[in-house]
Each structure stands twice: as structure tokens, then as C-alpha cells.
Amino acid sequence: MKKSIGMKLIEIYLIFALVVITYSSAIPKPGEDKKNRVHEQKLSEAEHEHEGEHNTDYDHEAFLGKDEAKTFDQLTPEESKERLGIIVGKIDKDGDGLITEQELKEWIQYVQKRYIVTDTDRMWKDHTTEGDKLLWSSYKKRTYGSDEDPNEEDSSTFSYKDMIERDERRWKAADKNGDGFLSKEEFADFLHPEEAEHMRDIVVKETMEDIDKDKDGYISLDEYIGDMWPEKNEEEPDWVKTERDTFKSVRDKNGDGKMDLQEVKNWIIPPDYDHSEAETKHLIHESDNNKDNKLTKEEILEHYDLFVGSQATDFGEALTRHDEF
């Protein structure tokens, strides 16, 4: 499978560390398989490209939201189109029958923010708070089952120790006022650091730690490729060979054969790139039959498989909460 690094790195912050049954923290497990790296705001968990082609699953989640997109397989094409038509009416804020690039972009951004708010609300309710604050010790006990630090000599809990330390470091970064508590807003930054400007360095450090197997503070070519393609006993596909060239010509900017922290940051958080805008332009480009850079309801329904396809949504939330948009 081709995994284009420039487009595919969406999943790391949705791979939560399962440490209590039915509960997950937002911290990836140290040593966990992470072939996909976030280097864009996560419009979707899906890869942006699949085998060299744009992945419509990415479009579905970007347009509908991750949770809503999961249940769309249960709908017939007719049901999909009917419900998509209702959504189109919500996107067309001025009611002129045309979806502009700005209206579509605002919808995609709304869907993303809605997911973060919903996810934060769900996680917040799972903890014991003190008023409107969450204490680190309370979070740690609820997440890891104990308020005691694991014994370093116990190899079975050593990964827990790493996870706790990683959690705590992210916690402190999210605690903007340094009071030792997290407000609900700060907790959202803790759960979704890729969405908060002041959390970007944590995103970079965690990615570096995941890939830097020899812990020398750099990512070598072998570590870069090994993170994406661990099947060393198989012949490398062409996309892996392409990524080797990309590492040398694009990622390793100073040509020293490895990626330092700044080069990793340029890789996973590329500057001056608006992902909601890029997705908006893609959807319009693929659906705009008359090339007027606007979409009619008819054009969207004609290309319904691009927007919702055979996977879609319980549109209930999108419809009942539309006043927030």
C-alpha cells in the first residue's frame, strides 16, 4: 500500500493508549506501531492517499466528522443522498443555492471543532473534577488505576512508567497558567495537542521519540523508513523507494544524513499549509461540473460518493446541532 508521507500522517493522536477497559487517554503508547504520523491538523483518521489515489474515506471524515462517518454503510444510496441534501442546506448559510469555497471551508472547520468539543466533553465526564478543574493526580489515578508510580524494576510496568511520564509532560504543557490543574479548555489542548499552537513542540517531541529507536536525538534514514515499512523481509515497493529519495532531497534539509528536531517539525507540521482549505479545494475541484468554483446541491448529490459515499453518518448530531454552525 502506498502511504504518501506528505498526505497520510493523520492517525497518531487518535491512537490512544488503552490503559483502562472502555477508557483511553490521548497519549500514544511508547513503542506502539505508528506507521502514520500526524503532520497536519487531523481532518480525518484515514490516509489522505491510498495506493497513489486520493482516499475518499478521508473526504468522508473531513466532511462529516469521524464519529458520524462510521455508520454510513448502513444507508442506501438513496438515503445517503436524501440526508446529504439536508446537510447541504445547512452549509449554504446565505440560502442562495450555491455553496461557496468559504462556506464549505467553514463547514469542514465546524465539523472538526465539533469532534474536539464532543470528545473533550466525553473524556471530561469520565473524571472526577474539583469544580471546573481537573487535578493531575486524579487524572493519573483514573487513567492508570493507581496514584502510585510504578516500580521501575518491574519490567511489566516499565512501559506504564514511560506512558505516565509522557502524559505528565503533555499535561504540564497544556497547563497554560501553571496552577497544576487543567481547565476544560486546557484539557482539550491536552487531548488534541495538534490543534493548539503552544502544544506543537510536544507533537514534535513525541513523534521524534516514537521513531528515534537508538535515542540519539535524530531520525536516521533507516529509522524513517522502518517506521513506515517494518516488513524488512519483503521487497520494498516503489513508494518506499520514493520515500528514501524524499528523505534525502526534502526531509534532511542540511544533508547530514539524519533529521534533527527542526527538520522533524518541518516534516510533521509543515508551515503555511491550511488543510481545511486544501480539502475544500479538492472537493470543489472534483464536483464542480461547470467550473464556476461554486457547488450546487445537484452537483454535490451527483458526486455524493465523494462526500459521503457508502460510508456515512448518523446525521442526527449534524442536524440537531446545526445552530452552532
Protein backbone atom coordinates (compact mmCIF):
# COMPACT_ATOMS: atom_id res chain seq x y z
CA MET A 1 0.00 0.00 0.00
CA LYS A 2 1.33 3.42 -0.86
CA LYS A 3 1.41 5.73 2.12
CA SER A 4 2.30 9.21 0.91
CA ILE A 5 4.01 10.86 3.86
CA GLY A 6 3.09 14.33 2.68
CA MET A 7 -0.60 13.49 2.94
CA LYS A 8 -1.08 10.42 5.11
CA LEU A 9 0.10 11.29 8.59
CA ILE A 10 -3.22 11.69 10.27
CA GLU A 11 -3.55 8.95 12.88
CA ILE A 12 -1.09 9.28 15.75
CA TYR A 13 -3.29 11.39 18.01
CA LEU A 14 -6.25 9.11 17.62
CA ILE A 15 -4.27 6.02 18.62
CA PHE A 16 -4.98 6.37 22.32
CA ALA A 17 -3.22 4.33 25.00
CA LEU A 18 -5.79 1.88 26.31
CA VAL A 19 -4.96 1.58 29.96
CA VAL A 20 -8.38 1.04 31.49
CA ILE A 21 -11.17 -1.04 29.92
CA THR A 22 -13.51 1.19 27.89
CA TYR A 23 -11.31 4.21 28.63
CA SER A 24 -8.44 5.65 26.68
CA SER A 25 -6.08 8.52 27.33
CA ALA A 26 -4.87 10.61 24.42
CA ILE A 27 -1.26 9.51 24.72
CA PRO A 28 0.20 7.01 22.26
CA LYS A 29 1.91 4.02 23.82
CA PRO A 30 5.71 4.13 23.74
CA GLY A 31 6.88 1.58 21.22
CA GLU A 32 3.44 1.30 19.64
CA ASP A 33 3.36 0.78 15.88
CA LYS A 34 2.98 4.20 14.29
CA LYS A 35 3.39 3.99 10.55
CA ASN A 36 1.19 7.04 10.24
CA ARG A 37 2.39 10.38 11.56
CA VAL A 38 0.31 13.48 12.09
CA HIS A 39 1.71 16.36 10.22
CA GLU A 40 -1.49 18.10 9.59
CA GLN A 41 -4.47 19.05 11.65
CA LYS A 42 -6.46 15.87 11.73
CA LEU A 43 -9.41 16.29 9.43
CA SER A 44 -9.60 12.51 9.35
CA GLU A 45 -8.04 9.33 10.71
CA ALA A 46 -7.90 7.91 7.21
CA GLU A 47 -4.89 8.16 4.93
CA HIS A 48 -5.21 11.09 2.57
CA GLU A 49 -3.96 8.92 -0.29
CA HIS A 50 -4.41 5.21 -0.90
CA GLU A 51 -2.26 3.41 -3.45
CA GLY A 52 -1.46 6.69 -5.13
CA GLU A 53 -5.09 7.83 -5.36
CA HIS A 54 -6.96 10.33 -3.23
CA ASN A 55 -8.73 8.38 -0.49
CA THR A 56 -12.45 9.12 -0.33
CA ASP A 57 -12.58 7.85 3.26
CA TYR A 58 -10.51 10.93 4.15
CA ASP A 59 -13.05 13.13 2.37
CA HIS A 60 -15.96 11.47 4.17
CA GLU A 61 -14.47 12.05 7.61
CA ALA A 62 -13.36 15.58 6.79
CA PHE A 63 -16.84 16.45 5.52
CA LEU A 64 -18.93 14.58 8.08
CA GLY A 65 -16.75 14.05 11.11
CA LYS A 66 -15.11 10.86 12.34
CA ASP A 67 -17.94 9.57 14.51
CA GLU A 68 -20.70 10.36 12.03
CA ALA A 69 -18.87 8.77 9.10
CA LYS A 70 -18.66 5.37 10.81
CA THR A 71 -22.31 4.41 10.42
CA PHE A 72 -22.91 5.42 6.82
CA ASP A 73 -22.51 1.86 5.49
CA GLN A 74 -25.98 1.18 6.82
CA LEU A 75 -27.57 3.67 4.43
CA THR A 76 -28.65 3.00 0.89
CA PRO A 77 -27.52 5.41 -1.85
CA GLU A 78 -30.99 6.93 -1.82
CA GLU A 79 -30.87 7.51 1.93
CA SER A 80 -27.37 8.90 1.62
CA LYS A 81 -28.41 11.43 -0.98
CA GLU A 82 -31.51 12.43 0.94
CA ARG A 83 -29.59 13.13 4.12
CA LEU A 84 -26.72 14.75 2.27
CA GLY A 85 -29.23 17.13 0.75
CA ILE A 86 -30.26 18.24 4.23
CA ILE A 87 -26.63 18.82 5.17
CA VAL A 88 -26.13 20.90 2.02
CA GLY A 89 -28.90 23.19 3.20
CA LYS A 90 -27.03 23.77 6.45
CA ILE A 91 -23.78 24.58 4.65
CA ASP A 92 -25.47 27.12 2.37
CA LYS A 93 -25.62 29.80 5.05
CA ASP A 94 -26.90 32.62 2.83
CA GLY A 95 -29.51 30.37 1.22
CA ASP A 96 -28.67 31.34 -2.35
CA GLY A 97 -28.47 27.75 -3.57
CA LEU A 98 -24.73 27.88 -4.12
CA ILE A 99 -22.02 26.51 -1.85
CA THR A 100 -19.01 28.80 -1.98
CA GLU A 101 -15.48 27.81 -1.12
CA GLN A 102 -15.72 29.83 2.10
CA GLU A 103 -18.98 28.17 3.15
CA LEU A 104 -17.59 24.69 2.54
CA LYS A 105 -14.35 25.52 4.35
CA GLU A 106 -16.28 26.84 7.36
CA TRP A 107 -18.34 23.66 7.43
CA ILE A 108 -15.24 21.45 7.44
CA GLN A 109 -13.74 23.54 10.23
CA TYR A 110 -17.01 23.34 12.17
CA VAL A 111 -17.06 19.55 11.85
CA GLN A 112 -13.52 19.34 13.17
CA LYS A 113 -14.20 21.63 16.12
CA ARG A 114 -17.39 19.73 16.90
CA TYR A 115 -15.43 16.50 17.15
CA ILE A 116 -12.91 18.04 19.54
CA VAL A 117 -15.65 19.51 21.75
CA THR A 118 -17.59 16.24 21.80
CA ASP A 119 -14.51 14.17 22.53
CA THR A 120 -13.39 16.53 25.29
CA ASP A 121 -16.87 16.52 26.86
CA ARG A 122 -16.92 12.72 26.85
CA MET A 123 -13.48 12.41 28.42
CA TRP A 124 -14.11 15.23 30.92
CA LYS A 125 -17.22 13.49 32.28
CA ASP A 126 -15.19 10.35 32.89
CA HIS A 127 -13.05 12.09 35.51
CA THR A 128 -13.62 13.45 38.99
CA THR A 129 -13.09 17.18 38.83
CA GLU A 130 -12.76 19.79 41.54
CA GLY A 131 -15.22 22.41 40.44
CA ASP A 132 -14.23 23.25 36.88
CA LYS A 133 -10.67 21.90 37.23
CA LEU A 134 -9.03 18.51 36.81
CA LEU A 135 -6.06 17.62 39.01
CA TRP A 136 -3.14 15.62 37.59
CA SER A 137 -3.25 13.05 40.41
CA SER A 138 -6.96 12.46 39.75
CA TYR A 139 -6.36 12.05 36.03
CA LYS A 140 -3.47 9.65 36.62
CA LYS A 141 -5.40 7.50 39.08
CA ARG A 142 -8.44 7.27 36.80
CA THR A 143 -6.33 6.55 33.73
CA TYR A 144 -3.71 4.19 35.13
CA GLY A 145 -5.63 2.66 38.00
CA SER A 146 -3.35 3.90 40.78
CA ASP A 147 -1.97 7.13 42.11
CA GLU A 148 1.30 5.40 42.91
CA ASP A 149 4.22 5.47 40.48
CA PRO A 150 5.07 2.02 39.04
CA ASN A 151 8.16 0.20 40.23
CA GLU A 152 10.97 0.73 37.72
CA GLU A 153 12.34 -2.72 38.50
CA ASP A 154 9.12 -4.36 37.42
CA SER A 155 9.56 -4.82 33.68
CA SER A 156 5.86 -5.45 33.20
CA THR A 157 5.09 -1.89 34.35
CA PHE A 158 8.04 -0.10 32.80
CA SER A 159 6.04 0.91 29.74
CA TYR A 160 3.40 2.29 32.11
CA LYS A 161 6.09 4.47 33.65
CA ASP A 162 7.02 5.79 30.22
CA MET A 163 3.40 6.46 29.43
CA ILE A 164 2.82 8.31 32.69
CA GLU A 165 5.91 10.46 32.17
CA ARG A 166 4.78 11.26 28.64
CA ASP A 167 1.29 12.09 29.87
CA GLU A 168 2.65 14.34 32.59
CA ARG A 169 4.92 16.23 30.22
CA ARG A 170 1.99 16.89 27.90
CA TRP A 171 -0.15 17.82 30.89
CA LYS A 172 2.33 20.47 32.02
CA ALA A 173 2.48 21.90 28.52
CA ALA A 174 -1.31 22.14 28.42
CA ASP A 175 -1.43 23.82 31.84
CA LYS A 176 -1.03 27.33 30.46
CA ASN A 177 -1.35 29.15 33.79
CA GLY A 178 0.79 26.64 35.67
CA ASP A 179 -1.67 26.09 38.52
CA GLY A 180 -1.35 22.29 38.42
CA PHE A 181 -4.95 21.87 37.26
CA LEU A 182 -6.40 21.71 33.80
CA SER A 183 -9.50 23.61 32.88
CA LYS A 184 -11.77 22.03 30.30
CA GLU A 185 -10.21 24.21 27.62
CA GLU A 186 -6.71 23.17 28.69
CA PHE A 187 -7.85 19.54 28.80
CA ALA A 188 -8.88 19.86 25.15
CA ASP A 189 -5.35 21.01 24.33
CA PHE A 190 -4.00 18.02 26.27
CA LEU A 191 -6.16 15.58 24.31
CA HIS A 192 -5.67 17.27 20.93
CA PRO A 193 -2.27 19.00 21.03
CA GLU A 194 -2.03 19.23 17.26
CA GLU A 195 -4.84 21.81 17.39
CA ALA A 196 -3.09 24.17 19.84
CA GLU A 197 -0.20 26.36 18.75
CA HIS A 198 1.53 26.23 22.14
CA MET A 199 1.45 22.40 22.07
CA ARG A 200 3.23 21.94 18.75
CA ASP A 201 6.62 21.24 20.34
CA ILE A 202 5.07 18.34 22.25
CA VAL A 203 3.75 16.92 18.98
CA VAL A 204 7.25 17.07 17.54
CA LYS A 205 8.93 15.54 20.60
CA GLU A 206 6.50 12.64 20.77
CA THR A 207 6.97 11.87 17.10
CA MET A 208 10.73 12.04 17.48
CA GLU A 209 10.62 9.66 20.44
CA ASP A 210 8.49 7.17 18.56
CA ILE A 211 10.78 6.94 15.55
CA ASP A 212 14.22 7.55 17.10
CA LYS A 213 14.89 3.94 18.11
CA ASP A 214 18.54 4.40 19.09
CA LYS A 215 17.65 7.51 21.14
CA ASP A 216 20.46 9.65 19.74
CA GLY A 217 18.17 12.64 19.25
CA TYR A 218 17.94 12.27 15.48
CA ILE A 219 15.94 10.29 12.93
CA SER A 220 18.13 8.36 10.52
CA LEU A 221 17.07 7.21 7.08
CA ASP A 222 16.71 3.63 8.36
CA GLU A 223 14.53 4.79 11.26
CA TYR A 224 12.42 6.93 8.94
CA ILE A 225 11.82 4.07 6.52
CA GLY A 226 11.49 1.46 9.27
CA ASP A 227 8.69 3.42 10.88
CA MET A 228 6.68 3.28 7.65
CA TRP A 229 7.80 -0.07 6.28
CA PRO A 230 8.70 -2.59 9.01
CA GLU A 231 8.38 -5.60 6.68
CA LYS A 232 12.13 -5.93 6.19
CA ASN A 233 11.89 -9.45 4.75
CA GLU A 234 9.75 -8.30 1.84
CA GLU A 235 10.82 -6.48 -1.28
CA GLU A 236 10.33 -2.76 -0.92
CA PRO A 237 7.51 -1.35 -3.02
CA ASP A 238 8.14 1.64 -5.23
CA TRP A 239 6.60 4.09 -2.77
CA VAL A 240 9.22 3.17 -0.17
CA LYS A 241 12.00 3.81 -2.67
CA THR A 242 10.39 7.16 -3.39
CA GLU A 243 10.36 7.97 0.33
CA ARG A 244 14.08 7.22 0.53
CA ASP A 245 14.64 9.86 -2.13
CA THR A 246 12.25 12.23 -0.34
CA PHE A 247 14.19 11.85 2.89
CA LYS A 248 17.44 12.80 1.17
CA SER A 249 16.10 15.60 -1.01
CA VAL A 250 13.35 17.12 1.17
CA ARG A 251 13.35 15.95 4.80
CA ASP A 252 17.10 16.14 5.52
CA LYS A 253 17.50 19.79 4.66
CA ASN A 254 21.12 20.17 5.77
CA GLY A 255 22.22 16.95 4.10
CA ASP A 256 23.84 15.38 7.16
CA GLY A 257 22.03 12.06 6.72
CA LYS A 258 19.59 12.49 9.60
CA MET A 259 16.69 14.64 10.73
CA ASP A 260 17.09 16.91 13.73
CA LEU A 261 14.24 18.36 15.81
CA GLN A 262 13.65 21.33 13.49
CA GLU A 263 13.64 19.13 10.41
CA VAL A 264 11.13 16.82 12.08
CA LYS A 265 8.97 19.84 12.88
CA ASN A 266 9.10 20.98 9.26
CA TRP A 267 8.04 17.47 8.28
CA ILE A 268 5.13 16.82 10.64
CA ILE A 269 3.91 20.42 10.98
CA PRO A 270 4.53 21.97 7.58
CA PRO A 271 4.28 25.76 7.76
CA ASP A 272 1.84 27.84 5.74
CA TYR A 273 -0.48 24.98 4.84
CA ASP A 274 -4.20 25.14 5.57
CA HIS A 275 -5.57 21.62 5.47
CA SER A 276 -9.23 22.57 5.64
CA GLU A 277 -8.66 24.89 2.69
CA ALA A 278 -6.83 22.19 0.75
CA GLU A 279 -9.65 19.71 1.36
CA THR A 280 -12.22 22.33 0.35
CA LYS A 281 -10.44 23.00 -2.94
CA HIS A 282 -10.19 19.26 -3.61
CA LEU A 283 -13.92 18.68 -3.07
CA ILE A 284 -14.86 21.61 -5.28
CA HIS A 285 -12.40 20.63 -8.00
CA GLU A 286 -13.84 17.12 -8.15
CA SER A 287 -17.52 18.15 -8.03
CA ASP A 288 -17.77 21.49 -9.83
CA ASN A 289 -19.15 20.43 -13.21
CA ASN A 290 -19.45 23.92 -14.70
CA LYS A 291 -16.18 25.16 -13.16
CA ASP A 292 -17.64 28.28 -11.57
CA ASN A 293 -15.85 27.48 -8.28
CA LYS A 294 -19.19 27.02 -6.54
CA LEU A 295 -21.26 23.91 -5.90
CA THR A 296 -24.97 23.49 -6.38
CA LYS A 297 -26.97 20.91 -4.47
CA GLU A 298 -27.30 18.97 -7.70
CA GLU A 299 -23.53 18.87 -8.23
CA ILE A 300 -22.95 17.65 -4.69
CA LEU A 301 -25.61 14.96 -4.94
CA GLU A 302 -24.25 13.84 -8.30
CA HIS A 303 -20.90 13.28 -6.58
CA TYR A 304 -22.39 12.07 -3.31
CA ASP A 305 -19.91 9.20 -3.15
CA LEU A 306 -17.09 11.74 -2.80
CA PHE A 307 -18.77 13.48 0.14
CA VAL A 308 -20.40 10.55 1.92
CA GLY A 309 -20.07 7.53 -0.32
CA SER A 310 -21.14 4.19 1.04
CA GLN A 311 -19.94 5.26 4.46
CA ALA A 312 -21.75 7.98 6.22
CA THR A 313 -23.30 9.23 9.24
CA ASP A 314 -25.89 9.28 11.83
CA PHE A 315 -26.70 12.75 10.65
CA GLY A 316 -28.65 13.36 13.83
CA GLU A 317 -25.90 15.35 15.53
CA ALA A 318 -25.13 17.38 12.43
CA LEU A 319 -28.79 18.26 12.03
CA THR A 320 -29.79 18.81 15.64
CA ARG A 321 -26.70 20.90 16.43
CA HIS A 322 -26.67 22.98 13.26
CA ASP A 323 -27.46 26.18 15.14
CA GLU A 324 -23.90 26.10 16.47
CA PHE A 325 -22.61 26.48 12.94
